[in-house]
ModelCIF file with pLDDT and N, C-alpha, C, O atoms, coordinates in Angstrom:
data_MODEL
#
_entry.id   MODEL 
#
_entity.id                         1 
_entity.type                       polymer 
_entity.pdbx_number_of_molecules   1 
#
_entity_poly.entity_id                      1 
_entity_poly.type                           'polypeptide(L)' 
_entity_poly.nstd_linkage                   no 
_entity_poly.nstd_monomer                   no 
_entity_poly.pdbx_seq_one_letter_code       TRNGIDRYDPARFLDYKLELLQMLLFCLPRFDPAQETEFLKYAKH 
_entity_poly.pdbx_seq_one_letter_code_can   TRNGIDRYDPARFLDYKLELLQMLLFCLPRFDPAQETEFLKYAKH 
_entity_poly.pdbx_strand_id                 A 
#
loop_
_entity_poly_seq.entity_id 
_entity_poly_seq.num 
_entity_poly_seq.mon_id 
_entity_poly_seq.hetero 
1 1  THR n 
1 2  ARG n 
1 3  ASN n 
1 4  GLY n 
1 5  ILE n 
1 6  ASP n 
1 7  ARG n 
1 8  TYR n 
1 9  ASP n 
1 10 PRO n 
1 11 ALA n 
1 12 ARG n 
1 13 PHE n 
1 14 LEU n 
1 15 ASP n 
1 16 TYR n 
1 17 LYS n 
1 18 LEU n 
1 19 GLU n 
1 20 LEU n 
1 21 LEU n 
1 22 GLN n 
1 23 MET n 
1 24 LEU n 
1 25 LEU n 
1 26 PHE n 
1 27 CYS n 
1 28 LEU n 
1 29 PRO n 
1 30 ARG n 
1 31 PHE n 
1 32 ASP n 
1 33 PRO n 
1 34 ALA n 
1 35 GLN n 
1 36 GLU n 
1 37 THR n 
1 38 GLU n 
1 39 PHE n 
1 40 LEU n 
1 41 LYS n 
1 42 TYR n 
1 43 ALA n 
1 44 LYS n 
1 45 HIS n 
#
_struct_asym.id          A 
_struct_asym.entity_id   1 
#
loop_
_ma_qa_metric.id 
_ma_qa_metric.mode 
_ma_qa_metric.name 
_ma_qa_metric.software_group_id 
_ma_qa_metric.type 
1 global pLDDT . pLDDT 
2 local  pLDDT . pLDDT 
#
_ma_qa_metric_global.metric_id      1 
_ma_qa_metric_global.metric_value   91.24 
_ma_qa_metric_global.model_id       1 
_ma_qa_metric_global.ordinal_id     1 
#
loop_
_ma_qa_metric_local.label_asym_id 
_ma_qa_metric_local.label_comp_id 
_ma_qa_metric_local.label_seq_id 
_ma_qa_metric_local.metric_id 
_ma_qa_metric_local.metric_value 
_ma_qa_metric_local.model_id 
_ma_qa_metric_local.ordinal_id 
A THR 1  2 89.00 1 1  
A ARG 2  2 84.00 1 2  
A ASN 3  2 80.00 1 3  
A GLY 4  2 79.00 1 4  
A ILE 5  2 84.00 1 5  
A ASP 6  2 83.00 1 6  
A ARG 7  2 83.00 1 7  
A TYR 8  2 87.00 1 8  
A ASP 9  2 92.00 1 9  
A PRO 10 2 93.00 1 10 
A ALA 11 2 91.00 1 11 
A ARG 12 2 92.00 1 12 
A PHE 13 2 95.00 1 13 
A LEU 14 2 93.00 1 14 
A ASP 15 2 93.00 1 15 
A TYR 16 2 94.00 1 16 
A LYS 17 2 95.00 1 17 
A LEU 18 2 93.00 1 18 
A GLU 19 2 93.00 1 19 
A LEU 20 2 96.00 1 20 
A LEU 21 2 95.00 1 21 
A GLN 22 2 94.00 1 22 
A MET 23 2 95.00 1 23 
A LEU 24 2 96.00 1 24 
A LEU 25 2 95.00 1 25 
A PHE 26 2 95.00 1 26 
A CYS 27 2 95.00 1 27 
A LEU 28 2 96.00 1 28 
A PRO 29 2 93.00 1 29 
A ARG 30 2 92.00 1 30 
A PHE 31 2 94.00 1 31 
A ASP 32 2 92.00 1 32 
A PRO 33 2 88.00 1 33 
A ALA 34 2 88.00 1 34 
A GLN 35 2 84.00 1 35 
A GLU 36 2 82.00 1 36 
A THR 37 2 89.00 1 37 
A GLU 38 2 94.00 1 38 
A PHE 39 2 96.00 1 39 
A LEU 40 2 95.00 1 40 
A LYS 41 2 94.00 1 41 
A TYR 42 2 95.00 1 42 
A ALA 43 2 95.00 1 43 
A LYS 44 2 94.00 1 44 
A HIS 45 2 91.00 1 45 
#
loop_
_atom_site.group_PDB 
_atom_site.id 
_atom_site.type_symbol 
_atom_site.label_atom_id 
_atom_site.label_alt_id 
_atom_site.label_comp_id 
_atom_site.label_asym_id 
_atom_site.label_entity_id 
_atom_site.label_seq_id 
_atom_site.pdbx_PDB_ins_code 
_atom_site.Cartn_x 
_atom_site.Cartn_y 
_atom_site.Cartn_z 
_atom_site.occupancy 
_atom_site.B_iso_or_equiv 
_atom_site.pdbx_formal_charge 
_atom_site.auth_seq_id 
_atom_site.auth_comp_id 
_atom_site.auth_asym_id 
_atom_site.auth_atom_id 
_atom_site.pdbx_PDB_model_num 
ATOM 1   N N  . THR A 1 1  ? 0.826  -1.205  0.000  1.00 89.00 ? 1  THR A N  1 
ATOM 2   C CA . THR A 1 1  ? 0.000  0.000   0.000  1.00 89.00 ? 1  THR A CA 1 
ATOM 3   C C  . THR A 1 1  ? 0.856  1.248   0.000  1.00 89.00 ? 1  THR A C  1 
ATOM 4   O O  . THR A 1 1  ? 0.610  2.176   -0.771 1.00 89.00 ? 1  THR A O  1 
ATOM 5   N N  . ARG A 1 2  ? 1.864  1.277   0.865  1.00 84.00 ? 2  ARG A N  1 
ATOM 6   C CA . ARG A 1 2  ? 2.718  2.461   0.987  1.00 84.00 ? 2  ARG A CA 1 
ATOM 7   C C  . ARG A 1 2  ? 3.529  2.717   -0.286 1.00 84.00 ? 2  ARG A C  1 
ATOM 8   O O  . ARG A 1 2  ? 3.864  3.861   -0.594 1.00 84.00 ? 2  ARG A O  1 
ATOM 9   N N  . ASN A 1 3  ? 3.839  1.652   -1.020 1.00 80.00 ? 3  ASN A N  1 
ATOM 10  C CA . ASN A 1 3  ? 4.655  1.796   -2.219 1.00 80.00 ? 3  ASN A CA 1 
ATOM 11  C C  . ASN A 1 3  ? 3.828  1.857   -3.499 1.00 80.00 ? 3  ASN A C  1 
ATOM 12  O O  . ASN A 1 3  ? 4.380  1.811   -4.598 1.00 80.00 ? 3  ASN A O  1 
ATOM 13  N N  . GLY A 1 4  ? 2.512  1.960   -3.361 1.00 79.00 ? 4  GLY A N  1 
ATOM 14  C CA . GLY A 1 4  ? 1.659  2.112   -4.542 1.00 79.00 ? 4  GLY A CA 1 
ATOM 15  C C  . GLY A 1 4  ? 1.599  0.887   -5.422 1.00 79.00 ? 4  GLY A C  1 
ATOM 16  O O  . GLY A 1 4  ? 1.391  1.010   -6.629 1.00 79.00 ? 4  GLY A O  1 
ATOM 17  N N  . ILE A 1 5  ? 1.776  -0.302  -4.847 1.00 84.00 ? 5  ILE A N  1 
ATOM 18  C CA . ILE A 1 5  ? 1.762  -1.560  -5.606 1.00 84.00 ? 5  ILE A CA 1 
ATOM 19  C C  . ILE A 1 5  ? 0.421  -2.254  -5.370 1.00 84.00 ? 5  ILE A C  1 
ATOM 20  O O  . ILE A 1 5  ? -0.123 -2.216  -4.267 1.00 84.00 ? 5  ILE A O  1 
ATOM 21  N N  . ASP A 1 6  ? -0.096 -2.880  -6.404 1.00 83.00 ? 6  ASP A N  1 
ATOM 22  C CA . ASP A 1 6  ? -1.382 -3.568  -6.315 1.00 83.00 ? 6  ASP A CA 1 
ATOM 23  C C  . ASP A 1 6  ? -1.328 -4.646  -5.236 1.00 83.00 ? 6  ASP A C  1 
ATOM 24  O O  . ASP A 1 6  ? -0.618 -5.642  -5.374 1.00 83.00 ? 6  ASP A O  1 
ATOM 25  N N  . ARG A 1 7  ? -2.086 -4.435  -4.166 1.00 83.00 ? 7  ARG A N  1 
ATOM 26  C CA . ARG A 1 7  ? -2.064 -5.403  -3.064 1.00 83.00 ? 7  ARG A CA 1 
ATOM 27  C C  . ARG A 1 7  ? -3.147 -6.439  -3.187 1.00 83.00 ? 7  ARG A C  1 
ATOM 28  O O  . ARG A 1 7  ? -3.324 -7.260  -2.287 1.00 83.00 ? 7  ARG A O  1 
ATOM 29  N N  . TYR A 1 8  ? -3.889 -6.418  -4.299 1.00 87.00 ? 8  TYR A N  1 
ATOM 30  C CA . TYR A 1 8  ? -4.965 -7.398  -4.496 1.00 87.00 ? 8  TYR A CA 1 
ATOM 31  C C  . TYR A 1 8  ? -4.617 -8.420  -5.578 1.00 87.00 ? 8  TYR A C  1 
ATOM 32  O O  . TYR A 1 8  ? -5.483 -9.181  -6.008 1.00 87.00 ? 8  TYR A O  1 
ATOM 33  N N  . ASP A 1 9  ? -3.364 -8.443  -6.021 1.00 92.00 ? 9  ASP A N  1 
ATOM 34  C CA . ASP A 1 9  ? -2.908 -9.410  -7.015 1.00 92.00 ? 9  ASP A CA 1 
ATOM 35  C C  . ASP A 1 9  ? -2.425 -10.653 -6.270 1.00 92.00 ? 9  ASP A C  1 
ATOM 36  O O  . ASP A 1 9  ? -1.363 -10.607 -5.648 1.00 92.00 ? 9  ASP A O  1 
ATOM 37  N N  . PRO A 1 10 ? -3.168 -11.762 -6.311 1.00 93.00 ? 10 PRO A N  1 
ATOM 38  C CA . PRO A 1 10 ? -2.794 -12.940 -5.524 1.00 93.00 ? 10 PRO A CA 1 
ATOM 39  C C  . PRO A 1 10 ? -1.395 -13.464 -5.849 1.00 93.00 ? 10 PRO A C  1 
ATOM 40  O O  . PRO A 1 10 ? -0.656 -13.861 -4.948 1.00 93.00 ? 10 PRO A O  1 
ATOM 41  N N  . ALA A 1 11 ? -1.027 -13.465 -7.140 1.00 91.00 ? 11 ALA A N  1 
ATOM 42  C CA . ALA A 1 11 ? 0.287  -14.003 -7.528 1.00 91.00 ? 11 ALA A CA 1 
ATOM 43  C C  . ALA A 1 11 ? 1.404  -13.140 -6.943 1.00 91.00 ? 11 ALA A C  1 
ATOM 44  O O  . ALA A 1 11 ? 2.390  -13.663 -6.423 1.00 91.00 ? 11 ALA A O  1 
ATOM 45  N N  . ARG A 1 12 ? 1.247  -11.822 -7.029 1.00 92.00 ? 12 ARG A N  1 
ATOM 46  C CA . ARG A 1 12 ? 2.270  -10.930 -6.480 1.00 92.00 ? 12 ARG A CA 1 
ATOM 47  C C  . ARG A 1 12 ? 2.333  -11.078 -4.954 1.00 92.00 ? 12 ARG A C  1 
ATOM 48  O O  . ARG A 1 12 ? 3.416  -11.154 -4.374 1.00 92.00 ? 12 ARG A O  1 
ATOM 49  N N  . PHE A 1 13 ? 1.177  -11.115 -4.326 1.00 95.00 ? 13 PHE A N  1 
ATOM 50  C CA . PHE A 1 13 ? 1.146  -11.258 -2.869 1.00 95.00 ? 13 PHE A CA 1 
ATOM 51  C C  . PHE A 1 13 ? 1.844  -12.547 -2.443 1.00 95.00 ? 13 PHE A C  1 
ATOM 52  O O  . PHE A 1 13 ? 2.568  -12.571 -1.448 1.00 95.00 ? 13 PHE A O  1 
ATOM 53  N N  . LEU A 1 14 ? 1.620  -13.615 -3.203 1.00 93.00 ? 14 LEU A N  1 
ATOM 54  C CA . LEU A 1 14 ? 2.256  -14.893 -2.889 1.00 93.00 ? 14 LEU A CA 1 
ATOM 55  C C  . LEU A 1 14 ? 3.765  -14.812 -3.087 1.00 93.00 ? 14 LEU A C  1 
ATOM 56  O O  . LEU A 1 14 ? 4.521  -15.385 -2.302 1.00 93.00 ? 14 LEU A O  1 
ATOM 57  N N  . ASP A 1 15 ? 4.212  -14.111 -4.123 1.00 93.00 ? 15 ASP A N  1 
ATOM 58  C CA . ASP A 1 15 ? 5.650  -13.929 -4.343 1.00 93.00 ? 15 ASP A CA 1 
ATOM 59  C C  . ASP A 1 15 ? 6.304  -13.266 -3.129 1.00 93.00 ? 15 ASP A C  1 
ATOM 60  O O  . ASP A 1 15 ? 7.353  -13.705 -2.658 1.00 93.00 ? 15 ASP A O  1 
ATOM 61  N N  . TYR A 1 16 ? 5.671  -12.206 -2.633 1.00 94.00 ? 16 TYR A N  1 
ATOM 62  C CA . TYR A 1 16 ? 6.211  -11.506 -1.456 1.00 94.00 ? 16 TYR A CA 1 
ATOM 63  C C  . TYR A 1 16 ? 6.216  -12.428 -0.237 1.00 94.00 ? 16 TYR A C  1 
ATOM 64  O O  . TYR A 1 16 ? 7.164  -12.435 0.547  1.00 94.00 ? 16 TYR A O  1 
ATOM 65  N N  . LYS A 1 17 ? 5.166  -13.186 -0.096 1.00 95.00 ? 17 LYS A N  1 
ATOM 66  C CA . LYS A 1 17 ? 5.038  -14.048 1.079  1.00 95.00 ? 17 LYS A CA 1 
ATOM 67  C C  . LYS A 1 17 ? 6.103  -15.149 1.078  1.00 95.00 ? 17 LYS A C  1 
ATOM 68  O O  . LYS A 1 17 ? 6.704  -15.442 2.111  1.00 95.00 ? 17 LYS A O  1 
ATOM 69  N N  . LEU A 1 18 ? 6.327  -15.748 -0.082 1.00 93.00 ? 18 LEU A N  1 
ATOM 70  C CA . LEU A 1 18 ? 7.337  -16.802 -0.181 1.00 93.00 ? 18 LEU A CA 1 
ATOM 71  C C  . LEU A 1 18 ? 8.742  -16.224 -0.037 1.00 93.00 ? 18 LEU A C  1 
ATOM 72  O O  . LEU A 1 18 ? 9.639  -16.897 0.473  1.00 93.00 ? 18 LEU A O  1 
ATOM 73  N N  . GLU A 1 19 ? 8.939  -14.988 -0.480 1.00 93.00 ? 19 GLU A N  1 
ATOM 74  C CA . GLU A 1 19 ? 10.234 -14.333 -0.283 1.00 93.00 ? 19 GLU A CA 1 
ATOM 75  C C  . GLU A 1 19 ? 10.508 -14.135 1.207  1.00 93.00 ? 19 GLU A C  1 
ATOM 76  O O  . GLU A 1 19 ? 11.624 -14.366 1.672  1.00 93.00 ? 19 GLU A O  1 
ATOM 77  N N  . LEU A 1 20 ? 9.487  -13.707 1.954  1.00 96.00 ? 20 LEU A N  1 
ATOM 78  C CA . LEU A 1 20 ? 9.664  -13.518 3.394  1.00 96.00 ? 20 LEU A CA 1 
ATOM 79  C C  . LEU A 1 20 ? 9.845  -14.864 4.101  1.00 96.00 ? 20 LEU A C  1 
ATOM 80  O O  . LEU A 1 20 ? 10.577 -14.952 5.086  1.00 96.00 ? 20 LEU A O  1 
ATOM 81  N N  . LEU A 1 21 ? 9.181  -15.908 3.603  1.00 95.00 ? 21 LEU A N  1 
ATOM 82  C CA . LEU A 1 21 ? 9.398  -17.239 4.159  1.00 95.00 ? 21 LEU A CA 1 
ATOM 83  C C  . LEU A 1 21 ? 10.862 -17.639 3.997  1.00 95.00 ? 21 LEU A C  1 
ATOM 84  O O  . LEU A 1 21 ? 11.475 -18.175 4.920  1.00 95.00 ? 21 LEU A O  1 
ATOM 85  N N  . GLN A 1 22 ? 11.411 -17.375 2.821  1.00 94.00 ? 22 GLN A N  1 
ATOM 86  C CA . GLN A 1 22 ? 12.808 -17.718 2.572  1.00 94.00 ? 22 GLN A CA 1 
ATOM 87  C C  . GLN A 1 22 ? 13.738 -16.940 3.505  1.00 94.00 ? 22 GLN A C  1 
ATOM 88  O O  . GLN A 1 22 ? 14.725 -17.488 3.995  1.00 94.00 ? 22 GLN A O  1 
ATOM 89  N N  . MET A 1 23 ? 13.425 -15.666 3.750  1.00 95.00 ? 23 MET A N  1 
ATOM 90  C CA . MET A 1 23 ? 14.255 -14.862 4.646  1.00 95.00 ? 23 MET A CA 1 
ATOM 91  C C  . MET A 1 23 ? 14.158 -15.371 6.084  1.00 95.00 ? 23 MET A C  1 
ATOM 92  O O  . MET A 1 23 ? 15.156 -15.367 6.805  1.00 95.00 ? 23 MET A O  1 
ATOM 93  N N  . LEU A 1 24 ? 12.982 -15.803 6.506  1.00 96.00 ? 24 LEU A N  1 
ATOM 94  C CA . LEU A 1 24 ? 12.830 -16.358 7.856  1.00 96.00 ? 24 LEU A CA 1 
ATOM 95  C C  . LEU A 1 24 ? 13.621 -17.658 8.004  1.00 96.00 ? 24 LEU A C  1 
ATOM 96  O O  . LEU A 1 24 ? 14.251 -17.902 9.033  1.00 96.00 ? 24 LEU A O  1 
ATOM 97  N N  . LEU A 1 25 ? 13.578 -18.483 6.963  1.00 95.00 ? 25 LEU A N  1 
ATOM 98  C CA . LEU A 1 25 ? 14.360 -19.717 6.998  1.00 95.00 ? 25 LEU A CA 1 
ATOM 99  C C  . LEU A 1 25 ? 15.856 -19.434 6.954  1.00 95.00 ? 25 LEU A C  1 
ATOM 100 O O  . LEU A 1 25 ? 16.656 -20.200 7.492  1.00 95.00 ? 25 LEU A O  1 
ATOM 101 N N  . PHE A 1 26 ? 16.225 -18.344 6.319  1.00 95.00 ? 26 PHE A N  1 
ATOM 102 C CA . PHE A 1 26 ? 17.633 -17.960 6.210  1.00 95.00 ? 26 PHE A CA 1 
ATOM 103 C C  . PHE A 1 26 ? 18.194 -17.532 7.568  1.00 95.00 ? 26 PHE A C  1 
ATOM 104 O O  . PHE A 1 26 ? 19.327 -17.868 7.912  1.00 95.00 ? 26 PHE A O  1 
ATOM 105 N N  . CYS A 1 27 ? 17.390 -16.787 8.339  1.00 95.00 ? 27 CYS A N  1 
ATOM 106 C CA . CYS A 1 27 ? 17.907 -16.278 9.612  1.00 95.00 ? 27 CYS A CA 1 
ATOM 107 C C  . CYS A 1 27 ? 17.616 -17.211 10.788 1.00 95.00 ? 27 CYS A C  1 
ATOM 108 O O  . CYS A 1 27 ? 18.217 -17.066 11.853 1.00 95.00 ? 27 CYS A O  1 
ATOM 109 N N  . LEU A 1 28 ? 16.709 -18.158 10.606 1.00 96.00 ? 28 LEU A N  1 
ATOM 110 C CA . LEU A 1 28 ? 16.305 -19.034 11.706 1.00 96.00 ? 28 LEU A CA 1 
ATOM 111 C C  . LEU A 1 28 ? 17.475 -19.747 12.387 1.00 96.00 ? 28 LEU A C  1 
ATOM 112 O O  . LEU A 1 28 ? 17.583 -19.666 13.610 1.00 96.00 ? 28 LEU A O  1 
ATOM 113 N N  . PRO A 1 29 ? 18.367 -20.447 11.652 1.00 93.00 ? 29 PRO A N  1 
ATOM 114 C CA . PRO A 1 29 ? 19.451 -21.167 12.324 1.00 93.00 ? 29 PRO A CA 1 
ATOM 115 C C  . PRO A 1 29 ? 20.469 -20.235 12.983 1.00 93.00 ? 29 PRO A C  1 
ATOM 116 O O  . PRO A 1 29 ? 21.262 -20.677 13.814 1.00 93.00 ? 29 PRO A O  1 
ATOM 117 N N  . ARG A 1 30 ? 20.453 -18.951 12.619 1.00 92.00 ? 30 ARG A N  1 
ATOM 118 C CA . ARG A 1 30 ? 21.388 -17.994 13.193 1.00 92.00 ? 30 ARG A CA 1 
ATOM 119 C C  . ARG A 1 30 ? 20.888 -17.437 14.531 1.00 92.00 ? 30 ARG A C  1 
ATOM 120 O O  . ARG A 1 30 ? 21.627 -16.773 15.258 1.00 92.00 ? 30 ARG A O  1 
ATOM 121 N N  . PHE A 1 31 ? 19.635 -17.719 14.834 1.00 94.00 ? 31 PHE A N  1 
ATOM 122 C CA . PHE A 1 31 ? 19.042 -17.204 16.065 1.00 94.00 ? 31 PHE A CA 1 
ATOM 123 C C  . PHE A 1 31 ? 19.465 -18.051 17.256 1.00 94.00 ? 31 PHE A C  1 
ATOM 124 O O  . PHE A 1 31 ? 19.408 -19.279 17.202 1.00 94.00 ? 31 PHE A O  1 
ATOM 125 N N  . ASP A 1 32 ? 19.888 -17.396 18.327 1.00 92.00 ? 32 ASP A N  1 
ATOM 126 C CA . ASP A 1 32 ? 20.327 -18.081 19.538 1.00 92.00 ? 32 ASP A CA 1 
ATOM 127 C C  . ASP A 1 32 ? 19.194 -18.042 20.562 1.00 92.00 ? 32 ASP A C  1 
ATOM 128 O O  . ASP A 1 32 ? 18.911 -16.981 21.119 1.00 92.00 ? 32 ASP A O  1 
ATOM 129 N N  . PRO A 1 33 ? 18.542 -19.171 20.819 1.00 88.00 ? 33 PRO A N  1 
ATOM 130 C CA . PRO A 1 33 ? 17.414 -19.193 21.760 1.00 88.00 ? 33 PRO A CA 1 
ATOM 131 C C  . PRO A 1 33 ? 17.815 -18.803 23.175 1.00 88.00 ? 33 PRO A C  1 
ATOM 132 O O  . PRO A 1 33 ? 16.964 -18.408 23.972 1.00 88.00 ? 33 PRO A O  1 
ATOM 133 N N  . ALA A 1 34 ? 19.114 -18.911 23.499 1.00 88.00 ? 34 ALA A N  1 
ATOM 134 C CA . ALA A 1 34 ? 19.562 -18.605 24.855 1.00 88.00 ? 34 ALA A CA 1 
ATOM 135 C C  . ALA A 1 34 ? 19.542 -17.107 25.137 1.00 88.00 ? 34 ALA A C  1 
ATOM 136 O O  . ALA A 1 34 ? 19.467 -16.691 26.294 1.00 88.00 ? 34 ALA A O  1 
ATOM 137 N N  . GLN A 1 35 ? 19.607 -16.307 24.095 1.00 84.00 ? 35 GLN A N  1 
ATOM 138 C CA . GLN A 1 35 ? 19.584 -14.863 24.273 1.00 84.00 ? 35 GLN A CA 1 
ATOM 139 C C  . GLN A 1 35 ? 18.164 -14.383 24.532 1.00 84.00 ? 35 GLN A C  1 
ATOM 140 O O  . GLN A 1 35 ? 17.205 -14.942 23.998 1.00 84.00 ? 35 GLN A O  1 
ATOM 141 N N  . GLU A 1 36 ? 18.034 -13.357 25.344 1.00 82.00 ? 36 GLU A N  1 
ATOM 142 C CA . GLU A 1 36 ? 16.713 -12.815 25.679 1.00 82.00 ? 36 GLU A CA 1 
ATOM 143 C C  . GLU A 1 36 ? 16.287 -11.796 24.628 1.00 82.00 ? 36 GLU A C  1 
ATOM 144 O O  . GLU A 1 36 ? 16.055 -10.626 24.934 1.00 82.00 ? 36 GLU A O  1 
ATOM 145 N N  . THR A 1 37 ? 16.190 -12.259 23.397 1.00 89.00 ? 37 THR A N  1 
ATOM 146 C CA . THR A 1 37 ? 15.777 -11.412 22.276 1.00 89.00 ? 37 THR A CA 1 
ATOM 147 C C  . THR A 1 37 ? 14.615 -12.080 21.567 1.00 89.00 ? 37 THR A C  1 
ATOM 148 O O  . THR A 1 37 ? 14.669 -13.269 21.255 1.00 89.00 ? 37 THR A O  1 
ATOM 149 N N  . GLU A 1 38 ? 13.569 -11.319 21.313 1.00 94.00 ? 38 GLU A N  1 
ATOM 150 C CA . GLU A 1 38 ? 12.443 -11.871 20.580 1.00 94.00 ? 38 GLU A CA 1 
ATOM 151 C C  . GLU A 1 38 ? 12.867 -12.186 19.149 1.00 94.00 ? 38 GLU A C  1 
ATOM 152 O O  . GLU A 1 38 ? 13.603 -11.420 18.527 1.00 94.00 ? 38 GLU A O  1 
ATOM 153 N N  . PHE A 1 39 ? 12.401 -13.309 18.638 1.00 96.00 ? 39 PHE A N  1 
ATOM 154 C CA . PHE A 1 39 ? 12.805 -13.723 17.300 1.00 96.00 ? 39 PHE A CA 1 
ATOM 155 C C  . PHE A 1 39 ? 12.399 -12.693 16.247 1.00 96.00 ? 39 PHE A C  1 
ATOM 156 O O  . PHE A 1 39 ? 13.166 -12.420 15.323 1.00 96.00 ? 39 PHE A O  1 
ATOM 157 N N  . LEU A 1 40 ? 11.203 -12.119 16.376 1.00 95.00 ? 40 LEU A N  1 
ATOM 158 C CA . LEU A 1 40 ? 10.742 -11.172 15.362 1.00 95.00 ? 40 LEU A CA 1 
ATOM 159 C C  . LEU A 1 40 ? 11.570 -9.891  15.361 1.00 95.00 ? 40 LEU A C  1 
ATOM 160 O O  . LEU A 1 40 ? 11.753 -9.276  14.310 1.00 95.00 ? 40 LEU A O  1 
ATOM 161 N N  . LYS A 1 41 ? 12.068 -9.486  16.515 1.00 94.00 ? 41 LYS A N  1 
ATOM 162 C CA . LYS A 1 41 ? 12.963 -8.332  16.553 1.00 94.00 ? 41 LYS A CA 1 
ATOM 163 C C  . LYS A 1 41 ? 14.291 -8.683  15.887 1.00 94.00 ? 41 LYS A C  1 
ATOM 164 O O  . LYS A 1 41 ? 14.877 -7.871  15.171 1.00 94.00 ? 41 LYS A O  1 
ATOM 165 N N  . TYR A 1 42 ? 14.754 -9.910  16.137 1.00 95.00 ? 42 TYR A N  1 
ATOM 166 C CA . TYR A 1 42 ? 15.981 -10.368 15.498 1.00 95.00 ? 42 TYR A CA 1 
ATOM 167 C C  . TYR A 1 42 ? 15.805 -10.464 13.986 1.00 95.00 ? 42 TYR A C  1 
ATOM 168 O O  . TYR A 1 42 ? 16.718 -10.135 13.229 1.00 95.00 ? 42 TYR A O  1 
ATOM 169 N N  . ALA A 1 43 ? 14.622 -10.919 13.545 1.00 95.00 ? 43 ALA A N  1 
ATOM 170 C CA . ALA A 1 43 ? 14.377 -11.166 12.117 1.00 95.00 ? 43 ALA A CA 1 
ATOM 171 C C  . ALA A 1 43 ? 13.931 -9.918  11.364 1.00 95.00 ? 43 ALA A C  1 
ATOM 172 O O  . ALA A 1 43 ? 13.791 -9.964  10.142 1.00 95.00 ? 43 ALA A O  1 
ATOM 173 N N  . LYS A 1 44 ? 13.704 -8.804  12.058 1.00 94.00 ? 44 LYS A N  1 
ATOM 174 C CA . LYS A 1 44 ? 13.134 -7.620  11.423 1.00 94.00 ? 44 LYS A CA 1 
ATOM 175 C C  . LYS A 1 44 ? 13.959 -7.158  10.225 1.00 94.00 ? 44 LYS A C  1 
ATOM 176 O O  . LYS A 1 44 ? 13.398 -6.851  9.174  1.00 94.00 ? 44 LYS A O  1 
ATOM 177 N N  . HIS A 1 45 ? 15.273 -7.104  10.369 1.00 91.00 ? 45 HIS A N  1 
ATOM 178 C CA . HIS A 1 45 ? 16.140 -6.656  9.280  1.00 91.00 ? 45 HIS A CA 1 
ATOM 179 C C  . HIS A 1 45 ? 16.022 -7.587  8.067  1.00 91.00 ? 45 HIS A C  1 
ATOM 180 O O  . HIS A 1 45 ? 16.682 -7.364  7.052  1.00 91.00 ? 45 HIS A O  1 
#
């Protein structure tokens, strides 16, 4: 919405969603559960 991109295109929305899934899988093994940091704050970048 903020970038003026069609947010009702299912294929585009799915592309973004799968890209974010890949990024979550990319950072997941790097996360240290022993640290007192929320995963979503760690994964924000």
